[in-house]
Amino acid sequence: MGDCHYLDGNIKAEKMFQMTQELVSILGIESGRLRLEWISSAEGTRFAEVARNFTEQIKSLGPSILKKAA
């Protein structure tokens, strides 16, 4: 962390992620529906793996509480 070539972009992203985690908790949404990963643009294979795993995780959680309430 802190080595983003956009200077402090990853630090700002982490702060935003933390605020979003709090909001997700307040809304009663499972924390497993939110994820932050540090992946370099040179790590295409890793990006695909993380995206695939996260998609499986979300599917395993089923519909969100927000969708059930609608």
N, C-alpha and C. Protein backbone atom coordinates (compact mmCIF):
# COMPACT_ATOMS: atom_id res chain seq x y z
N MET A 1 0.84 -1.17 0.00
CA MET A 1 0.00 0.00 0.00
C MET A 1 0.89 1.24 0.00
N GLY A 2 0.44 2.30 -0.61
CA GLY A 2 1.21 3.51 -0.68
C GLY A 2 2.14 3.57 -1.88
N ASP A 3 2.19 2.49 -2.67
CA ASP A 3 3.08 2.49 -3.83
C ASP A 3 2.32 2.69 -5.14
N CYS A 4 1.10 3.13 -5.07
CA CYS A 4 0.30 3.40 -6.26
C CYS A 4 0.97 4.51 -7.07
N HIS A 5 1.09 4.32 -8.37
CA HIS A 5 1.73 5.35 -9.17
C HIS A 5 0.86 6.60 -9.33
N TYR A 6 -0.34 6.56 -8.82
CA TYR A 6 -1.19 7.75 -8.77
C TYR A 6 -1.05 8.42 -7.41
N LEU A 7 0.13 8.29 -6.82
CA LEU A 7 0.53 8.88 -5.54
C LEU A 7 -0.27 8.31 -4.39
N ASP A 8 -1.31 8.97 -3.95
CA ASP A 8 -2.01 8.50 -2.76
C ASP A 8 -3.40 7.94 -3.07
N GLY A 9 -3.62 7.56 -4.30
CA GLY A 9 -4.94 7.04 -4.70
C GLY A 9 -5.38 5.82 -3.92
N ASN A 10 -4.44 4.90 -3.67
CA ASN A 10 -4.83 3.70 -2.95
C ASN A 10 -5.13 4.00 -1.47
N ILE A 11 -4.49 5.00 -0.92
CA ILE A 11 -4.78 5.39 0.47
C ILE A 11 -6.17 6.00 0.55
N LYS A 12 -6.51 6.86 -0.42
CA LYS A 12 -7.85 7.43 -0.48
C LYS A 12 -8.89 6.34 -0.70
N ALA A 13 -8.58 5.37 -1.54
CA ALA A 13 -9.51 4.28 -1.81
C ALA A 13 -9.77 3.48 -0.53
N GLU A 14 -8.74 3.25 0.25
CA GLU A 14 -8.92 2.49 1.49
C GLU A 14 -9.80 3.25 2.48
N LYS A 15 -9.62 4.55 2.57
CA LYS A 15 -10.48 5.36 3.45
C LYS A 15 -11.94 5.30 2.99
N MET A 16 -12.14 5.41 1.69
CA MET A 16 -13.50 5.33 1.14
C MET A 16 -14.09 3.95 1.39
N PHE A 17 -13.27 2.93 1.26
CA PHE A 17 -13.72 1.56 1.51
C PHE A 17 -14.17 1.41 2.96
N GLN A 18 -13.40 1.96 3.89
CA GLN A 18 -13.75 1.87 5.30
C GLN A 18 -15.09 2.56 5.58
N MET A 19 -15.30 3.71 4.97
CA MET A 19 -16.58 4.41 5.14
C MET A 19 -17.72 3.59 4.54
N THR A 20 -17.46 2.98 3.41
CA THR A 20 -18.48 2.15 2.76
C THR A 20 -18.79 0.93 3.61
N GLN A 21 -17.79 0.35 4.25
CA GLN A 21 -18.02 -0.78 5.15
C GLN A 21 -18.97 -0.38 6.28
N GLU A 22 -18.79 0.80 6.82
CA GLU A 22 -19.67 1.27 7.88
C GLU A 22 -21.10 1.42 7.38
N LEU A 23 -21.27 1.98 6.19
CA LEU A 23 -22.59 2.15 5.61
C LEU A 23 -23.25 0.80 5.36
N VAL A 24 -22.50 -0.13 4.82
CA VAL A 24 -23.01 -1.47 4.55
C VAL A 24 -23.51 -2.11 5.86
N SER A 25 -22.74 -1.93 6.92
CA SER A 25 -23.13 -2.47 8.22
C SER A 25 -24.42 -1.82 8.73
N ILE A 26 -24.51 -0.51 8.61
CA ILE A 26 -25.71 0.21 9.05
C ILE A 26 -26.94 -0.27 8.29
N LEU A 27 -26.77 -0.54 7.00
CA LEU A 27 -27.89 -0.99 6.17
C LEU A 27 -28.25 -2.45 6.39
N GLY A 28 -27.43 -3.16 7.15
CA GLY A 28 -27.70 -4.57 7.42
C GLY A 28 -27.29 -5.50 6.30
N ILE A 29 -26.42 -5.03 5.43
CA ILE A 29 -25.95 -5.84 4.31
C ILE A 29 -24.74 -6.66 4.78
N GLU A 30 -24.67 -7.90 4.33
CA GLU A 30 -23.56 -8.77 4.72
C GLU A 30 -22.23 -8.15 4.30
N SER A 31 -21.25 -8.18 5.19
CA SER A 31 -19.94 -7.60 4.89
C SER A 31 -19.25 -8.34 3.75
N GLY A 32 -19.63 -9.58 3.50
CA GLY A 32 -19.05 -10.36 2.42
C GLY A 32 -19.42 -9.87 1.03
N ARG A 33 -20.30 -8.88 0.96
CA ARG A 33 -20.68 -8.32 -0.35
C ARG A 33 -19.79 -7.16 -0.76
N LEU A 34 -18.80 -6.88 0.06
CA LEU A 34 -17.89 -5.76 -0.19
C LEU A 34 -16.46 -6.27 -0.05
N ARG A 35 -15.63 -5.87 -0.99
CA ARG A 35 -14.25 -6.37 -0.96
C ARG A 35 -13.31 -5.34 -1.58
N LEU A 36 -12.12 -5.23 -1.01
CA LEU A 36 -11.09 -4.36 -1.55
C LEU A 36 -9.85 -5.20 -1.79
N GLU A 37 -9.33 -5.14 -2.98
CA GLU A 37 -8.12 -5.90 -3.34
C GLU A 37 -7.13 -4.95 -3.98
N TRP A 38 -5.87 -5.17 -3.72
CA TRP A 38 -4.80 -4.41 -4.37
C TRP A 38 -4.25 -5.30 -5.47
N ILE A 39 -4.51 -4.93 -6.71
CA ILE A 39 -4.06 -5.71 -7.85
C ILE A 39 -3.42 -4.77 -8.86
N SER A 40 -2.23 -5.10 -9.26
CA SER A 40 -1.50 -4.30 -10.25
C SER A 40 -2.09 -4.50 -11.64
N SER A 41 -1.93 -3.52 -12.49
CA SER A 41 -2.41 -3.65 -13.87
C SER A 41 -1.68 -4.76 -14.61
N ALA A 42 -0.55 -5.19 -14.09
CA ALA A 42 0.21 -6.28 -14.70
C ALA A 42 -0.27 -7.66 -14.23
N GLU A 43 -1.24 -7.70 -13.35
CA GLU A 43 -1.71 -8.96 -12.78
C GLU A 43 -3.09 -9.36 -13.32
N GLY A 44 -3.18 -9.46 -14.64
CA GLY A 44 -4.46 -9.80 -15.27
C GLY A 44 -5.02 -11.12 -14.80
N THR A 45 -4.16 -12.12 -14.68
CA THR A 45 -4.61 -13.45 -14.25
C THR A 45 -5.14 -13.39 -12.82
N ARG A 46 -4.43 -12.68 -11.96
CA ARG A 46 -4.89 -12.55 -10.57
C ARG A 46 -6.21 -11.79 -10.50
N PHE A 47 -6.34 -10.73 -11.31
CA PHE A 47 -7.59 -9.98 -11.34
C PHE A 47 -8.76 -10.89 -11.71
N ALA A 48 -8.56 -11.71 -12.75
CA ALA A 48 -9.62 -12.62 -13.18
C ALA A 48 -9.97 -13.61 -12.08
N GLU A 49 -8.96 -14.11 -11.38
CA GLU A 49 -9.20 -15.07 -10.30
C GLU A 49 -9.97 -14.42 -9.15
N VAL A 50 -9.57 -13.22 -8.76
CA VAL A 50 -10.24 -12.51 -7.67
C VAL A 50 -11.69 -12.21 -8.07
N ALA A 51 -11.90 -11.75 -9.30
CA ALA A 51 -13.25 -11.44 -9.77
C ALA A 51 -14.12 -12.70 -9.78
N ARG A 52 -13.56 -13.80 -10.23
CA ARG A 52 -14.31 -15.06 -10.27
C ARG A 52 -14.67 -15.53 -8.85
N ASN A 53 -13.69 -15.49 -7.95
CA ASN A 53 -13.93 -15.91 -6.57
C ASN A 53 -14.95 -15.01 -5.87
N PHE A 54 -14.86 -13.71 -6.11
CA PHE A 54 -15.80 -12.78 -5.48
C PHE A 54 -17.21 -12.99 -6.03
N THR A 55 -17.31 -13.25 -7.32
CA THR A 55 -18.62 -13.52 -7.92
C THR A 55 -19.24 -14.77 -7.29
N GLU A 56 -18.44 -15.81 -7.10
CA GLU A 56 -18.93 -17.03 -6.46
C GLU A 56 -19.37 -16.74 -5.02
N GLN A 57 -18.60 -15.93 -4.32
CA GLN A 57 -18.94 -15.57 -2.94
C GLN A 57 -20.29 -14.84 -2.89
N ILE A 58 -20.48 -13.89 -3.77
CA ILE A 58 -21.73 -13.13 -3.80
C ILE A 58 -22.90 -14.04 -4.13
N LYS A 59 -22.73 -14.92 -5.11
CA LYS A 59 -23.79 -15.85 -5.48
C LYS A 59 -24.16 -16.75 -4.31
N SER A 60 -23.15 -17.17 -3.55
CA SER A 60 -23.43 -18.06 -2.42
C SER A 60 -24.21 -17.36 -1.31
N LEU A 61 -24.12 -16.04 -1.24
CA LEU A 61 -24.88 -15.28 -0.24
C LEU A 61 -26.36 -15.16 -0.62
N GLY A 62 -26.67 -15.35 -1.89
CA GLY A 62 -28.04 -15.22 -2.35
C GLY A 62 -28.44 -13.76 -2.50
N PRO A 63 -29.73 -13.53 -2.72
CA PRO A 63 -30.19 -12.14 -2.90
C PRO A 63 -29.89 -11.29 -1.67
N SER A 64 -29.58 -10.03 -1.92
CA SER A 64 -29.27 -9.14 -0.80
C SER A 64 -30.55 -8.77 -0.05
N ILE A 65 -30.36 -8.32 1.16
CA ILE A 65 -31.49 -7.90 1.98
C ILE A 65 -32.25 -6.75 1.32
N LEU A 66 -31.53 -5.92 0.57
CA LEU A 66 -32.17 -4.80 -0.11
C LEU A 66 -33.09 -5.29 -1.22
N LYS A 67 -32.69 -6.32 -1.93
CA LYS A 67 -33.51 -6.86 -3.00
C LYS A 67 -34.76 -7.55 -2.40
N LYS A 68 -34.57 -8.21 -1.28
CA LYS A 68 -35.69 -8.89 -0.62
C LYS A 68 -36.74 -7.87 -0.15
N ALA A 69 -36.28 -6.68 0.25
CA ALA A 69 -37.19 -5.66 0.77
C ALA A 69 -37.95 -4.94 -0.33
N ALA A 70 -37.44 -5.01 -1.54
CA ALA A 70 -38.08 -4.28 -2.65
C ALA A 70 -39.35 -4.93 -3.15
